[in-house]
Amino acid sequence: MKKTPFYASGLEYGAKMVELFGYYLPWEYSAGHSREHLGTRESVSLCDLDYMAEFVVEGPDALRLIQMLATNDYSKKTIGSVQYTAMCDEDGQMIDDCTIWCLDNNKYMIISGSEDDYAWISKQAKSYDVATTNVTDKHTTLALQGPKANRVLQPLVDIDLSTIGYYRFRPAKISGIECIIARMGYTGEAGFELHFASTEGETIWNLVMKAGQAYDIVPCAQAALESLRQEAGYLLVGKDHDRSTNPFEAGIGFAVKFGKENFIGKAALQRIVREGVTRRMVWLDILSGDVAETGDKIFVGDREIGTVTSGSFSPTRKRGTAMAFVNPAHAVPSLDVTVLLDTGTRSNAKLSVMPLYDPGDTRTKNFA
């Protein structure tokens, strides 16, 4: 297991460490899950995202390779842009979902949830005039999230943060330390991702936490990140999708652009659209407050209609929530269902075909 650059800093905030994604990561700080979650929604939080994998693709064929790897279209993306996409195999099943950053002409960065993706990317790159580099251990990431994130960060940086558009980034310095600041996140709130050298991790953490004291900043651990991203409807590899999942059933068909030239899995995905999906991603409000777990079955009456992929307690809604796959015929707004928990009890739930928090995705665009 690896330790992130923020391991020691996390312990100072009472982190309860768990083993996740090959790292020791904080599951909860002394503030507690609810405080970390609500602090993000109402003010600002700082989250260790060091476990995210980062790969650089550079060379004359960089755009050609990116266009082949990604289901989304990068042909018109300019330097400083970030775009979400899926990467699929020839059968249209997801290798992963990720963001791809245009760093320079013929230079891109892929950020995904699994370092295992690098082997697949490198294999595809062999037919192209590019160099691929795994920079996961050299670079690190902090997510500063919440409606007051801009107020915390602005005094520390040498650029005007209002000049960074949504899903854009700019190079900057935080108290003289070089970094890349992106206007994005994984919580459903406005915020930034800070990318910089791993060796500067503890320094940046301390600077941001100190600057955030005036806004009641809290560190945000994995338990809160889970409930935040589930409310907002963001996928997690290994839970909400794997290599038996296609983008359309996972609810990210918007990131598949058939209008561009060929990409890996294009023909298979076109066939899936013609034939229709066999399941759909939905969200559940578990009215009792019980927490569902991955694999729990969902029923209408005695008929099994689907399976939970992710579950958590939502401090925002004060009840259990979940993401799940169900039969398309049962992907009906406000449908009453029951969830069979691993305890053997059934909990009543209401189904939603849209994310439970800010389905219009307005809060990510605006700071307080």
Protein backbone atom coordinates (compact mmCIF):
# COMPACT_ATOMS: atom_id res chain seq x y z
CA MET A 1 0.00 0.00 0.00
CA LYS A 2 1.20 3.48 -0.89
CA LYS A 3 0.97 6.54 1.33
CA THR A 4 -0.20 9.76 -0.29
CA PRO A 5 1.73 13.04 0.20
CA PHE A 6 -1.09 14.05 2.58
CA TYR A 7 -0.90 10.98 4.82
CA ALA A 8 0.80 12.73 7.76
CA SER A 9 -1.38 15.82 7.39
CA GLY A 10 -4.45 13.62 7.43
CA LEU A 11 -3.41 11.99 10.68
CA GLU A 12 -3.15 15.44 12.24
CA TYR A 13 -6.85 15.88 11.46
CA GLY A 14 -7.74 12.54 13.03
CA ALA A 15 -7.92 10.50 9.84
CA LYS A 16 -9.10 6.90 10.13
CA MET A 17 -7.06 5.26 7.39
CA VAL A 18 -8.33 2.42 5.20
CA GLU A 19 -6.82 0.53 2.28
CA LEU A 20 -8.39 1.66 -1.01
CA PHE A 21 -7.19 1.69 -4.62
CA GLY A 22 -3.73 0.54 -3.50
CA TYR A 23 -3.32 3.44 -1.03
CA TYR A 24 -3.81 4.25 2.62
CA LEU A 25 -6.62 6.78 2.39
CA PRO A 26 -8.66 8.61 5.04
CA TRP A 27 -12.16 7.16 5.35
CA GLU A 28 -13.22 9.79 7.85
CA TYR A 29 -11.55 12.65 9.74
CA SER A 30 -12.33 13.64 13.31
CA ALA A 31 -14.94 16.09 12.02
CA GLY A 32 -17.01 13.09 10.95
CA HIS A 33 -18.80 12.07 7.76
CA SER A 34 -21.81 14.38 8.11
CA ARG A 35 -19.74 17.47 8.91
CA GLU A 36 -17.39 16.78 5.99
CA HIS A 37 -20.29 16.23 3.59
CA LEU A 38 -22.35 19.24 4.68
CA GLY A 39 -19.24 21.42 4.92
CA THR A 40 -18.66 20.76 1.23
CA ARG A 41 -22.25 21.55 0.33
CA GLU A 42 -22.46 24.71 2.44
CA SER A 43 -18.96 26.20 2.50
CA VAL A 44 -15.69 24.50 1.48
CA SER A 45 -13.65 21.33 1.94
CA LEU A 46 -10.27 19.92 0.89
CA CYS A 47 -9.95 16.35 -0.38
CA ASP A 48 -6.93 14.12 -1.04
CA LEU A 49 -7.21 12.78 -4.61
CA ASP A 50 -3.63 11.54 -4.88
CA TYR A 51 -4.83 8.06 -5.87
CA MET A 52 -6.11 9.33 -9.22
CA ALA A 53 -3.97 8.05 -12.09
CA GLU A 54 -2.30 10.51 -14.48
CA PHE A 55 -0.83 9.70 -17.89
CA VAL A 56 0.72 12.03 -20.47
CA VAL A 57 0.47 11.42 -24.22
CA GLU A 58 2.80 13.53 -26.36
CA GLY A 59 3.94 13.52 -29.97
CA PRO A 60 2.85 14.20 -33.57
CA ASP A 61 0.06 11.61 -33.38
CA ALA A 62 -1.20 12.57 -29.91
CA LEU A 63 -4.58 13.87 -31.08
CA ARG A 64 -5.07 10.89 -33.41
CA LEU A 65 -4.48 8.51 -30.50
CA ILE A 66 -6.76 10.45 -28.16
CA GLN A 67 -9.51 10.42 -30.78
CA MET A 68 -9.15 6.64 -31.09
CA LEU A 69 -9.14 6.02 -27.31
CA ALA A 70 -12.00 8.34 -26.38
CA THR A 71 -15.68 8.10 -27.19
CA ASN A 72 -15.93 11.90 -26.97
CA ASP A 73 -14.60 14.28 -29.64
CA TYR A 74 -11.39 16.24 -29.00
CA SER A 75 -10.86 17.60 -32.52
CA LYS A 76 -11.84 21.15 -31.57
CA LYS A 77 -10.53 21.24 -28.01
CA THR A 78 -8.04 24.01 -27.33
CA ILE A 79 -5.10 24.31 -24.94
CA GLY A 80 -6.46 24.68 -21.42
CA SER A 81 -9.59 22.59 -21.97
CA VAL A 82 -10.74 19.48 -20.10
CA GLN A 83 -13.38 17.06 -21.34
CA TYR A 84 -15.04 14.01 -19.82
CA THR A 85 -15.16 10.78 -21.81
CA ALA A 86 -15.44 7.03 -21.70
CA MET A 87 -12.77 4.69 -23.07
CA CYS A 88 -14.17 1.42 -24.42
CA ASP A 89 -12.96 -1.88 -25.79
CA GLU A 90 -13.96 -3.24 -29.21
CA ASP A 91 -17.18 -4.62 -27.72
CA GLY A 92 -18.22 -1.18 -26.48
CA GLN A 93 -17.62 -2.08 -22.83
CA MET A 94 -15.99 0.54 -20.63
CA ILE A 95 -12.30 0.38 -19.84
CA ASP A 96 -12.89 3.44 -17.67
CA ASP A 97 -14.37 6.91 -17.60
CA CYS A 98 -11.85 9.73 -17.37
CA THR A 99 -11.02 13.33 -18.18
CA ILE A 100 -8.61 14.30 -20.94
CA TRP A 101 -6.73 17.59 -20.70
CA CYS A 102 -5.24 19.48 -23.65
CA LEU A 103 -1.89 20.62 -22.21
CA ASP A 104 -0.32 21.87 -25.45
CA ASN A 105 -0.28 21.23 -29.17
CA ASN A 106 0.25 17.46 -29.48
CA LYS A 107 0.27 16.97 -25.69
CA TYR A 108 -2.57 15.60 -23.55
CA MET A 109 -3.05 14.34 -20.02
CA ILE A 110 -5.46 11.52 -19.15
CA ILE A 111 -6.73 11.39 -15.55
CA SER A 112 -8.62 8.26 -14.58
CA GLY A 113 -9.59 6.29 -11.50
CA SER A 114 -7.25 3.37 -12.11
CA GLU A 115 -3.53 3.12 -12.80
CA ASP A 116 -4.33 -0.19 -14.54
CA ASP A 117 -5.57 1.88 -17.50
CA TYR A 118 -1.98 2.73 -18.43
CA ALA A 119 -1.20 -0.74 -19.78
CA TRP A 120 -4.22 -0.60 -22.10
CA ILE A 121 -3.41 2.95 -23.26
CA SER A 122 0.23 2.03 -23.91
CA LYS A 123 -0.84 -1.00 -25.94
CA GLN A 124 -3.06 1.14 -28.18
CA ALA A 125 -0.27 3.74 -28.53
CA LYS A 126 2.17 1.33 -30.19
CA SER A 127 0.78 2.10 -33.64
CA TYR A 128 1.16 5.88 -33.20
CA ASP A 129 4.05 8.34 -33.18
CA VAL A 130 3.65 9.26 -29.52
CA ALA A 131 5.34 8.85 -26.17
CA THR A 132 3.21 7.80 -23.19
CA THR A 133 4.32 8.48 -19.63
CA ASN A 134 2.78 7.41 -16.33
CA VAL A 135 3.23 10.43 -14.06
CA THR A 136 0.93 9.20 -11.27
CA ASP A 137 3.68 9.07 -8.63
CA LYS A 138 5.25 12.40 -9.65
CA HIS A 139 2.06 14.47 -9.61
CA THR A 140 -0.63 14.78 -6.97
CA THR A 141 -4.09 16.30 -6.71
CA LEU A 142 -6.12 18.13 -4.09
CA ALA A 143 -9.78 18.97 -4.64
CA LEU A 144 -10.94 22.25 -3.10
CA GLN A 145 -14.72 22.01 -3.29
CA GLY A 146 -17.70 24.05 -2.20
CA PRO A 147 -19.44 27.37 -2.86
CA LYS A 148 -16.71 29.32 -1.03
CA ALA A 149 -13.72 27.55 -2.60
CA ASN A 150 -12.84 30.61 -4.68
CA ARG A 151 -12.64 32.82 -1.58
CA VAL A 152 -10.17 30.44 0.03
CA LEU A 153 -7.93 29.97 -3.00
CA GLN A 154 -7.84 33.46 -4.55
CA PRO A 155 -5.50 35.08 -1.97
CA LEU A 156 -2.99 32.24 -2.45
CA VAL A 157 -2.58 32.36 -6.23
CA ASP A 158 -1.04 34.67 -8.80
CA ILE A 159 -3.94 34.58 -11.28
CA ASP A 160 -7.54 35.77 -11.31
CA LEU A 161 -9.57 32.60 -10.68
CA SER A 162 -12.62 34.10 -12.37
CA THR A 163 -10.74 33.77 -15.69
CA ILE A 164 -10.87 29.96 -15.46
CA GLY A 165 -14.01 28.71 -17.18
CA TYR A 166 -15.87 25.56 -16.20
CA TYR A 167 -13.88 22.49 -17.28
CA ARG A 168 -10.91 24.70 -18.13
CA PHE A 169 -7.53 25.01 -16.45
CA ARG A 170 -4.64 27.43 -16.15
CA PRO A 171 -1.06 27.16 -14.90
CA ALA A 172 -0.53 29.20 -11.75
CA LYS A 173 1.52 29.48 -8.60
CA ILE A 174 0.25 28.86 -5.09
CA SER A 175 2.50 30.90 -2.80
CA GLY A 176 5.23 30.52 -5.41
CA ILE A 177 4.72 26.78 -6.03
CA GLU A 178 3.92 25.85 -9.63
CA CYS A 179 0.61 24.11 -10.18
CA ILE A 180 -2.27 23.63 -12.57
CA ILE A 181 -5.67 24.84 -11.37
CA ALA A 182 -8.77 23.35 -13.00
CA ARG A 183 -12.35 24.51 -12.54
CA MET A 184 -14.06 21.16 -11.89
CA GLY A 185 -14.75 18.51 -9.27
CA TYR A 186 -16.36 15.25 -8.19
CA THR A 187 -18.81 16.47 -5.54
CA GLY A 188 -21.62 18.28 -7.34
CA GLU A 189 -20.39 21.65 -6.05
CA ALA A 190 -18.37 24.46 -7.57
CA GLY A 191 -14.68 24.04 -6.93
CA PHE A 192 -11.16 23.48 -8.16
CA GLU A 193 -8.71 20.66 -8.64
CA LEU A 194 -5.10 21.55 -7.84
CA HIS A 195 -2.39 19.55 -9.62
CA PHE A 196 1.25 19.91 -8.59
CA ALA A 197 4.44 18.03 -7.75
CA SER A 198 3.98 15.33 -5.13
CA THR A 199 6.93 16.71 -3.17
CA GLU A 200 4.92 19.88 -2.43
CA GLY A 201 1.92 18.02 -1.04
CA GLU A 202 2.21 18.81 2.65
CA THR A 203 3.07 22.47 1.97
CA ILE A 204 0.05 23.06 -0.28
CA TRP A 205 -2.27 21.22 2.11
CA ASN A 206 -1.22 23.39 5.04
CA LEU A 207 -1.46 26.63 3.04
CA VAL A 208 -4.99 25.89 1.85
CA MET A 209 -6.26 24.64 5.21
CA LYS A 210 -4.90 27.74 6.93
CA ALA A 211 -6.46 30.05 4.34
CA GLY A 212 -9.76 28.23 4.73
CA GLN A 213 -10.08 28.67 8.48
CA ALA A 214 -12.07 31.87 8.01
CA TYR A 215 -14.63 29.85 6.04
CA ASP A 216 -14.81 26.84 8.39
CA ILE A 217 -12.99 24.60 5.93
CA VAL A 218 -13.06 20.88 6.66
CA PRO A 219 -10.92 18.07 5.25
CA CYS A 220 -13.11 15.72 3.22
CA ALA A 221 -12.38 11.98 3.39
CA GLN A 222 -13.58 9.05 1.29
CA ALA A 223 -16.87 8.41 3.13
CA ALA A 224 -18.03 11.97 2.45
CA LEU A 225 -16.66 11.93 -1.09
CA GLU A 226 -18.70 8.78 -1.71
CA SER A 227 -21.97 10.29 -0.49
CA LEU A 228 -21.28 13.56 -2.34
CA ARG A 229 -20.52 11.95 -5.69
CA GLN A 230 -23.43 9.51 -5.41
CA GLU A 231 -25.89 12.35 -4.75
CA ALA A 232 -24.50 14.14 -7.81
CA GLY A 233 -24.62 10.98 -9.93
CA TYR A 234 -20.91 10.58 -10.68
CA LEU A 235 -19.63 7.10 -11.53
CA LEU A 236 -16.92 5.15 -9.72
CA VAL A 237 -14.95 2.49 -11.57
CA GLY A 238 -15.26 -0.94 -9.99
CA LYS A 239 -18.64 -0.08 -8.47
CA ASP A 240 -20.88 1.67 -10.97
CA HIS A 241 -19.10 0.40 -14.05
CA ASP A 242 -16.59 -2.21 -15.12
CA ARG A 243 -15.66 -4.00 -18.32
CA SER A 244 -19.17 -5.40 -18.64
CA THR A 245 -20.78 -1.94 -18.73
CA ASN A 246 -21.42 0.29 -21.74
CA PRO A 247 -21.70 4.09 -21.61
CA PHE A 248 -25.38 4.19 -22.56
CA GLU A 249 -26.61 1.98 -19.73
CA ALA A 250 -24.30 3.87 -17.33
CA GLY A 251 -26.01 7.14 -18.24
CA ILE A 252 -23.08 8.80 -20.00
CA GLY A 253 -24.22 8.44 -23.59
CA PHE A 254 -23.72 12.23 -23.88
CA ALA A 255 -19.98 11.49 -23.96
CA VAL A 256 -20.24 9.28 -27.07
CA LYS A 257 -19.90 11.18 -30.35
CA PHE A 258 -20.69 9.03 -33.38
CA GLY A 259 -20.13 12.00 -35.69
CA LYS A 260 -16.35 11.81 -35.40
CA GLU A 261 -14.12 9.35 -37.23
CA ASN A 262 -13.58 5.83 -35.97
CA PHE A 263 -12.82 5.13 -32.32
CA ILE A 264 -12.40 1.92 -30.37
CA GLY A 265 -15.81 0.35 -29.79
CA LYS A 266 -17.70 2.63 -32.19
CA ALA A 267 -19.38 -0.14 -34.23
CA ALA A 268 -20.36 -2.06 -31.10
CA LEU A 269 -21.82 1.06 -29.48
CA GLN A 270 -23.83 1.85 -32.61
CA ARG A 271 -25.25 -1.67 -32.45
CA ILE A 272 -26.13 -1.20 -28.75
CA VAL A 273 -28.04 1.98 -29.62
CA ARG A 274 -29.95 0.17 -32.37
CA GLU A 275 -30.83 -2.83 -30.21
CA GLY A 276 -31.38 -0.95 -26.95
CA VAL A 277 -29.78 -1.37 -23.55
CA THR A 278 -30.72 -4.18 -21.15
CA ARG A 279 -30.40 -2.07 -17.98
CA ARG A 280 -30.30 1.58 -16.95
CA MET A 281 -28.60 3.54 -14.20
CA VAL A 282 -31.01 5.03 -11.65
CA TRP A 283 -30.89 6.58 -8.17
CA LEU A 284 -32.71 5.47 -5.03
CA ASP A 285 -34.02 7.36 -2.01
CA ILE A 286 -34.16 4.77 0.79
CA LEU A 287 -36.90 6.17 2.97
CA SER A 288 -36.00 4.33 6.18
CA GLY A 289 -32.48 5.74 6.29
CA ASP A 290 -30.93 2.30 5.85
CA VAL A 291 -27.75 2.12 3.79
CA ALA A 292 -27.71 -0.22 0.79
CA GLU A 293 -24.52 -1.92 -0.32
CA THR A 294 -23.10 -2.99 -3.66
CA GLY A 295 -24.94 -6.09 -4.86
CA ASP A 296 -28.17 -5.58 -2.88
CA LYS A 297 -31.19 -6.60 -4.96
CA ILE A 298 -34.08 -4.30 -5.89
CA PHE A 299 -37.69 -5.47 -6.16
CA VAL A 300 -41.12 -4.34 -7.29
CA GLY A 301 -43.35 -6.61 -5.28
CA ASP A 302 -41.75 -10.04 -5.55
CA ARG A 303 -40.14 -9.32 -8.91
CA GLU A 304 -36.41 -8.60 -8.95
CA ILE A 305 -35.70 -5.65 -11.24
CA GLY A 306 -32.12 -4.61 -10.52
CA THR A 307 -29.02 -4.36 -8.36
CA VAL A 308 -27.41 -1.63 -6.25
CA THR A 309 -23.99 -0.51 -7.47
CA SER A 310 -23.17 2.10 -4.79
CA GLY A 311 -24.86 3.02 -1.53
CA SER A 312 -24.29 5.56 1.23
CA PHE A 313 -26.00 7.64 3.90
CA SER A 314 -26.81 11.12 2.61
CA PRO A 315 -26.41 13.87 5.23
CA THR A 316 -28.09 16.25 2.76
CA ARG A 317 -31.24 14.15 2.48
CA LYS A 318 -30.94 12.55 5.93
CA ARG A 319 -31.56 9.08 4.54
CA GLY A 320 -29.87 6.31 2.63
CA THR A 321 -29.27 6.81 -1.08
CA ALA A 322 -27.96 4.53 -3.78
CA MET A 323 -27.07 4.19 -7.43
CA ALA A 324 -28.32 1.09 -9.19
CA PHE A 325 -28.97 -0.70 -12.46
CA VAL A 326 -32.57 -1.71 -13.19
CA ASN A 327 -34.45 -3.17 -16.14
CA PRO A 328 -35.26 -0.36 -18.61
CA ALA A 329 -39.00 -0.97 -18.22
CA HIS A 330 -38.70 -0.10 -14.53
CA ALA A 331 -36.62 3.06 -14.98
CA VAL A 332 -39.70 5.11 -14.09
CA PRO A 333 -39.61 8.36 -12.06
CA SER A 334 -40.93 8.00 -8.48
CA LEU A 335 -41.47 4.24 -8.82
CA ASP A 336 -41.90 2.59 -5.41
CA VAL A 337 -39.42 -0.26 -4.91
CA THR A 338 -37.88 -2.26 -2.08
CA VAL A 339 -34.21 -2.99 -1.49
CA LEU A 340 -33.21 -6.34 0.03
CA LEU A 341 -30.35 -5.46 2.39
CA ASP A 342 -27.59 -7.89 3.34
CA THR A 343 -29.23 -8.08 6.79
CA GLY A 344 -32.17 -9.84 5.14
CA THR A 345 -34.57 -6.95 5.73
CA ARG A 346 -36.36 -5.01 3.01
CA SER A 347 -36.34 -1.23 2.91
CA ASN A 348 -38.80 0.91 0.98
CA ALA A 349 -37.26 3.23 -1.59
CA LYS A 350 -38.31 5.61 -4.32
CA LEU A 351 -36.63 5.48 -7.71
CA SER A 352 -35.33 8.51 -9.62
CA VAL A 353 -34.06 8.59 -13.20
CA MET A 354 -32.05 11.74 -12.43
CA PRO A 355 -29.32 12.36 -9.82
CA LEU A 356 -30.81 13.17 -6.43
CA TYR A 357 -28.82 16.39 -5.91
CA ASP A 358 -29.02 19.35 -8.27
CA PRO A 359 -30.11 17.35 -11.34
CA GLY A 360 -29.83 20.48 -13.46
CA ASP A 361 -26.12 20.70 -12.57
CA THR A 362 -26.30 24.41 -11.74
CA ARG A 363 -24.30 24.48 -8.50
CA THR A 364 -21.09 23.33 -10.17
CA LYS A 365 -21.16 26.47 -12.34
CA ASN A 366 -21.48 29.14 -9.64
CA PHE A 367 -19.69 30.15 -6.45
CA ALA A 368 -21.46 31.81 -3.53
